[in-house]
Amino acid sequence: MSNDPAFLFYDGDAARDVSHMSRLERGCYFDIIQAQKKFGRLSEEIIKKILGKDFETCWESVKICLSYVEHMYFIEWLENSINKRKLFCESRKNNKTVKKGHHMLNICESYDEHMVNANAIEDVIKKEDEKEIEKRNQRKRDISGHVPDISGHSASASASASASGIKEKIKEEKAGADQGLTRGCLAPLDKDKDKDRKRIKKEFIPPTYEEFKNYCTENGFENIAERAFKGYFEAAWHDAKGQPIFNWKQKLQNGWFREENKNVRNAATGTS
């Protein structure tokens, strides 16, 4: 199968990112979407070439919407959407080739390459939901049992209740997806439920202190880990403007990981 040119695009994702931008800056943002779809994660030098003379004018506004890992920039929701599309296409490819030991061409002469078998998609949805539930349960256990008492507070009961509510909503969405499946075809998707499903998966669960500190250490900012974690923890994971945090790594990259905050190495002892 050739490379799939498509991916699932929710306008709300882009609208949230570009709400503070001018029209020129929004154009640069969508240029980066196109480049990331084609090339994957991008270095700053590549982005300079993509944006050309508009780089100096627009980069600061665009940069705060990008995630930054190992010297590469990328739009996180776009990367997730592309990866999910790849999983879907691989499932469709396998389903087309094999179904209970028979080639799909022997099953139906009117087979359309753009149609997929409902049973295969159902399996993908179930596996994805089971992994998501287990991941959230594990994160909830980590947060409840391993957050250090650096702020004088324990993990709140509201965090547990929120995680429990997320689990129930995912079960409801799963049941709705099962009802929409019929043997050999897919019922039309409910757009509202599809959006609700995406919102649930993007529900924020705070990191443990160990995970937070390890990320700071890996990037050379171990000395600010405790101070930054305490600030976010006491603010119930809201930023300085009172906005809820959805991507704590991005907040660190854009707010804390600055040259003046880097670990200072002691020349005599060789330690930070």
Protein backbone atom coordinates (compact mmCIF):
# COMPACT_ATOMS: atom_id res chain seq x y z
CA MET A 1 0.00 0.00 0.00
CA SER A 2 1.33 3.44 -0.92
CA ASN A 3 1.65 6.18 1.68
CA ASP A 4 -1.77 7.33 2.83
CA PRO A 5 -2.15 11.07 2.09
CA ALA A 6 -4.93 11.54 4.64
CA PHE A 7 -5.23 11.97 8.39
CA LEU A 8 -8.13 12.82 10.71
CA PHE A 9 -8.30 16.59 11.19
CA TYR A 10 -10.35 18.24 13.94
CA ASP A 11 -10.69 21.97 13.37
CA GLY A 12 -10.86 22.52 17.14
CA ASP A 13 -7.24 21.39 17.52
CA ALA A 14 -5.93 23.99 15.11
CA ALA A 15 -8.35 26.69 16.32
CA ARG A 16 -7.07 26.32 19.87
CA ASP A 17 -3.46 26.70 18.71
CA VAL A 18 -3.95 29.73 16.42
CA SER A 19 -6.43 31.74 18.51
CA HIS A 20 -3.70 34.27 19.45
CA MET A 21 -2.16 34.53 15.98
CA SER A 22 -2.43 37.06 13.18
CA ARG A 23 -3.45 35.93 9.70
CA LEU A 24 0.17 35.78 8.59
CA GLU A 25 1.14 33.69 11.62
CA ARG A 26 -1.76 31.32 10.97
CA GLY A 27 -0.51 30.81 7.43
CA CYS A 28 2.92 29.87 8.81
CA TYR A 29 1.29 27.44 11.24
CA PHE A 30 -0.51 25.63 8.42
CA ASP A 31 2.70 25.54 6.37
CA ILE A 32 4.24 23.62 9.29
CA ILE A 33 1.25 21.23 9.32
CA GLN A 34 1.92 20.40 5.67
CA ALA A 35 5.65 19.97 6.24
CA GLN A 36 5.19 17.75 9.30
CA LYS A 37 2.73 15.54 7.40
CA LYS A 38 5.37 15.02 4.72
CA PHE A 39 8.63 14.94 6.68
CA GLY A 40 7.73 14.26 10.32
CA ARG A 41 9.37 16.23 13.14
CA LEU A 42 11.24 19.35 12.02
CA SER A 43 14.44 21.08 13.12
CA GLU A 44 14.54 24.85 13.53
CA GLU A 45 16.75 25.15 10.45
CA ILE A 46 14.18 23.32 8.31
CA ILE A 47 11.38 25.50 9.68
CA LYS A 48 13.39 28.58 8.73
CA LYS A 49 13.56 27.33 5.14
CA ILE A 50 9.83 26.53 5.12
CA LEU A 51 8.73 29.94 6.44
CA GLY A 52 11.38 31.93 4.56
CA LYS A 53 11.30 35.67 5.20
CA ASP A 54 8.27 35.29 7.50
CA PHE A 55 10.28 33.26 10.04
CA GLU A 56 11.59 36.23 12.03
CA THR A 57 8.16 37.86 12.16
CA CYS A 58 6.08 34.81 13.05
CA TRP A 59 8.33 32.28 14.79
CA GLU A 60 7.76 33.34 18.41
CA SER A 61 3.97 33.11 18.07
CA VAL A 62 4.10 29.77 16.26
CA LYS A 63 6.77 28.26 18.50
CA ILE A 64 4.63 28.27 21.67
CA CYS A 65 2.17 25.88 19.99
CA LEU A 66 4.85 23.31 19.14
CA SER A 67 6.26 20.50 21.22
CA TYR A 68 10.06 20.23 21.39
CA VAL A 69 11.86 16.92 21.92
CA GLU A 70 15.50 16.14 21.16
CA HIS A 71 16.02 19.38 19.22
CA MET A 72 13.03 18.71 16.96
CA TYR A 73 9.74 20.63 16.80
CA PHE A 74 6.34 19.09 16.05
CA ILE A 75 2.58 19.63 16.50
CA GLU A 76 1.55 16.99 19.03
CA TRP A 77 -2.10 16.54 18.02
CA LEU A 78 -1.06 16.21 14.37
CA GLU A 79 1.53 13.52 15.15
CA ASN A 80 -1.05 11.57 17.18
CA SER A 81 -3.61 11.81 14.38
CA ILE A 82 -1.12 10.62 11.74
CA ASN A 83 -0.07 7.65 13.89
CA LYS A 84 -3.70 6.62 14.45
CA ARG A 85 -4.33 6.83 10.70
CA LYS A 86 -1.34 4.55 10.05
CA LEU A 87 -2.78 1.99 12.48
CA PHE A 88 -6.15 2.18 10.75
CA CYS A 89 -4.62 1.74 7.27
CA GLU A 90 -2.53 -1.23 8.40
CA SER A 91 -5.66 -2.87 9.79
CA ARG A 92 -7.52 -2.24 6.53
CA LYS A 93 -4.63 -3.67 4.51
CA ASN A 94 -4.50 -6.86 6.57
CA ASN A 95 -8.26 -7.23 6.47
CA LYS A 96 -8.35 -6.89 2.72
CA THR A 97 -5.76 -9.64 2.30
CA VAL A 98 -6.98 -12.20 4.81
CA LYS A 99 -10.40 -12.98 6.27
CA LYS A 100 -10.73 -16.38 7.92
CA GLY A 101 -8.23 -17.87 5.48
CA HIS A 102 -9.82 -16.47 2.30
CA HIS A 103 -8.71 -13.68 0.03
CA MET A 104 -11.15 -10.75 0.03
CA LEU A 105 -11.53 -10.98 -3.78
CA ASN A 106 -13.19 -14.37 -3.30
CA ILE A 107 -15.81 -12.97 -0.92
CA CYS A 108 -17.57 -10.26 -2.87
CA GLU A 109 -17.20 -9.06 -6.48
CA SER A 110 -18.44 -5.60 -5.52
CA TYR A 111 -15.74 -5.11 -2.88
CA ASP A 112 -14.74 -1.46 -2.67
CA GLU A 113 -11.15 -0.70 -1.63
CA HIS A 114 -12.35 2.21 0.50
CA MET A 115 -14.57 -0.07 2.64
CA VAL A 116 -13.27 -1.96 5.69
CA ASN A 117 -14.49 -4.98 7.60
CA ALA A 118 -16.43 -4.02 10.73
CA ASN A 119 -15.03 -6.85 12.82
CA ALA A 120 -11.45 -5.75 12.23
CA ILE A 121 -12.23 -2.14 13.14
CA GLU A 122 -14.12 -3.30 16.22
CA ASP A 123 -11.04 -5.19 17.38
CA VAL A 124 -8.85 -2.12 16.89
CA ILE A 125 -11.29 0.08 18.85
CA LYS A 126 -11.54 -2.44 21.71
CA LYS A 127 -7.77 -2.87 21.99
CA GLU A 128 -7.20 0.88 21.87
CA ASP A 129 -9.81 1.51 24.59
CA GLU A 130 -8.48 -1.28 26.82
CA LYS A 131 -4.95 0.14 26.58
CA GLU A 132 -6.24 3.66 27.29
CA ILE A 133 -8.16 2.52 30.39
CA GLU A 134 -5.20 0.55 31.72
CA LYS A 135 -2.86 3.48 31.08
CA ARG A 136 -5.12 5.90 32.95
CA ASN A 137 -5.58 3.49 35.85
CA GLN A 138 -1.82 3.06 36.14
CA ARG A 139 -1.25 6.81 36.06
CA LYS A 140 -3.90 7.28 38.75
CA ARG A 141 -2.17 4.69 40.95
CA ASP A 142 1.20 6.35 40.37
CA ILE A 143 -0.13 9.78 41.27
CA SER A 144 -1.91 8.54 44.41
CA GLY A 145 1.03 6.52 45.69
CA HIS A 146 4.20 8.28 44.58
CA VAL A 147 3.70 12.07 44.58
CA PRO A 148 6.13 13.48 47.22
CA ASP A 149 4.71 15.81 49.86
CA ILE A 150 6.75 18.81 48.72
CA SER A 151 3.82 21.20 48.96
CA GLY A 152 2.22 20.01 52.18
CA HIS A 153 -0.72 18.50 50.29
CA SER A 154 -1.63 14.94 49.41
CA ALA A 155 -3.19 13.86 46.13
CA SER A 156 -6.73 15.22 46.17
CA ALA A 157 -9.88 13.11 46.10
CA SER A 158 -11.01 15.11 43.08
CA ALA A 159 -8.16 13.66 40.98
CA SER A 160 -9.37 10.14 41.79
CA ALA A 161 -12.97 11.06 41.04
CA SER A 162 -11.92 12.65 37.74
CA ALA A 163 -10.00 9.55 36.67
CA SER A 164 -13.00 7.37 37.60
CA GLY A 165 -15.30 9.59 35.56
CA ILE A 166 -13.00 9.34 32.56
CA LYS A 167 -13.08 5.55 32.75
CA GLU A 168 -16.89 5.54 32.76
CA LYS A 169 -17.07 7.94 29.81
CA ILE A 170 -14.69 5.77 27.79
CA LYS A 171 -16.89 2.73 28.50
CA GLU A 172 -19.94 4.67 27.30
CA GLU A 173 -18.15 5.70 24.11
CA LYS A 174 -17.06 2.12 23.52
CA ALA A 175 -20.63 0.89 23.89
CA GLY A 176 -21.81 3.54 21.43
CA ALA A 177 -19.16 2.47 18.90
CA ASP A 178 -20.25 -1.18 19.25
CA GLN A 179 -23.88 -0.24 18.54
CA GLY A 180 -22.86 1.58 15.37
CA LEU A 181 -21.20 -1.54 13.89
CA THR A 182 -23.08 -4.05 11.73
CA ARG A 183 -21.81 -7.21 10.09
CA GLY A 184 -19.76 -6.29 7.02
CA CYS A 185 -20.20 -2.51 7.16
CA LEU A 186 -19.97 0.56 9.35
CA ALA A 187 -22.90 2.77 10.35
CA PRO A 188 -22.43 6.54 9.81
CA LEU A 189 -20.28 8.06 12.53
CA ASP A 190 -21.88 10.35 15.10
CA LYS A 191 -19.73 13.49 14.89
CA ASP A 192 -20.69 14.70 18.35
CA LYS A 193 -19.74 11.38 19.95
CA ASP A 194 -16.52 11.31 17.96
CA LYS A 195 -15.60 14.75 19.31
CA ASP A 196 -16.55 13.72 22.86
CA ARG A 197 -14.35 10.65 22.52
CA LYS A 198 -11.40 12.83 21.50
CA ARG A 199 -12.01 15.24 24.40
CA ILE A 200 -11.99 12.35 26.89
CA LYS A 201 -8.68 11.06 25.58
CA LYS A 202 -7.14 14.50 25.92
CA GLU A 203 -8.22 14.81 29.60
CA PHE A 204 -5.14 15.84 31.53
CA ILE A 205 -3.70 13.59 34.25
CA PRO A 206 -0.75 15.16 36.12
CA PRO A 207 2.68 13.47 36.05
CA THR A 208 4.28 11.97 39.13
CA TYR A 209 7.13 13.96 40.65
CA GLU A 210 9.62 11.29 39.54
CA GLU A 211 8.42 11.52 35.95
CA PHE A 212 8.52 15.33 36.09
CA LYS A 213 12.02 15.42 37.61
CA ASN A 214 13.40 12.82 35.16
CA TYR A 215 12.20 14.88 32.21
CA CYS A 216 13.86 18.02 33.63
CA THR A 217 17.08 16.08 34.26
CA GLU A 218 17.17 14.63 30.74
CA ASN A 219 16.99 18.15 29.33
CA GLY A 220 19.62 19.59 31.71
CA PHE A 221 17.29 21.48 34.06
CA GLU A 222 17.25 19.30 37.17
CA ASN A 223 17.73 22.29 39.47
CA ILE A 224 14.30 23.77 38.62
CA ALA A 225 12.33 20.50 38.84
CA GLU A 226 11.15 20.79 42.45
CA ARG A 227 10.31 24.50 42.18
CA ALA A 228 8.37 24.09 38.92
CA PHE A 229 6.50 20.98 40.11
CA LYS A 230 5.52 22.64 43.38
CA GLY A 231 4.21 25.70 41.54
CA TYR A 232 2.03 23.68 39.17
CA PHE A 233 0.91 21.28 41.92
CA GLU A 234 -0.25 24.06 44.24
CA ALA A 235 -2.05 25.77 41.34
CA ALA A 236 -3.96 22.52 40.62
CA TRP A 237 -2.06 22.28 37.29
CA HIS A 238 -3.03 25.69 35.93
CA ASP A 239 -0.56 28.12 34.41
CA ALA A 240 0.21 31.68 35.50
CA LYS A 241 -2.77 32.96 33.51
CA GLY A 242 -5.13 30.54 35.25
CA GLN A 243 -5.51 28.34 32.16
CA PRO A 244 -5.57 24.55 32.65
CA ILE A 245 -2.41 22.73 31.57
CA PHE A 246 -2.86 20.08 28.88
CA ASN A 247 0.79 19.45 27.99
CA TRP A 248 3.18 19.85 30.93
CA LYS A 249 6.24 19.02 28.84
CA GLN A 250 5.40 21.84 26.44
CA LYS A 251 4.96 24.20 29.41
CA LEU A 252 8.43 23.31 30.64
CA GLN A 253 9.95 23.76 27.19
CA ASN A 254 8.38 27.17 26.67
CA GLY A 255 8.46 28.55 30.21
CA TRP A 256 11.22 26.94 32.26
CA PHE A 257 13.82 25.50 29.90
CA ARG A 258 15.77 28.70 29.41
CA GLU A 259 19.51 29.23 29.35
CA GLU A 260 19.56 31.01 32.71
CA ASN A 261 17.82 28.03 34.37
CA LYS A 262 20.22 25.39 33.11
CA ASN A 263 22.18 23.30 35.59
CA VAL A 264 25.49 25.04 36.37
CA ARG A 265 28.37 22.56 36.44
CA ASN A 266 30.96 23.05 39.19
CA ALA A 267 34.38 23.15 37.57
CA ALA A 268 36.18 21.80 40.71
CA THR A 269 33.88 18.86 41.50
CA GLY A 270 32.39 18.19 38.10
CA THR A 271 28.88 18.19 39.60
CA SER A 272 25.88 20.42 39.02
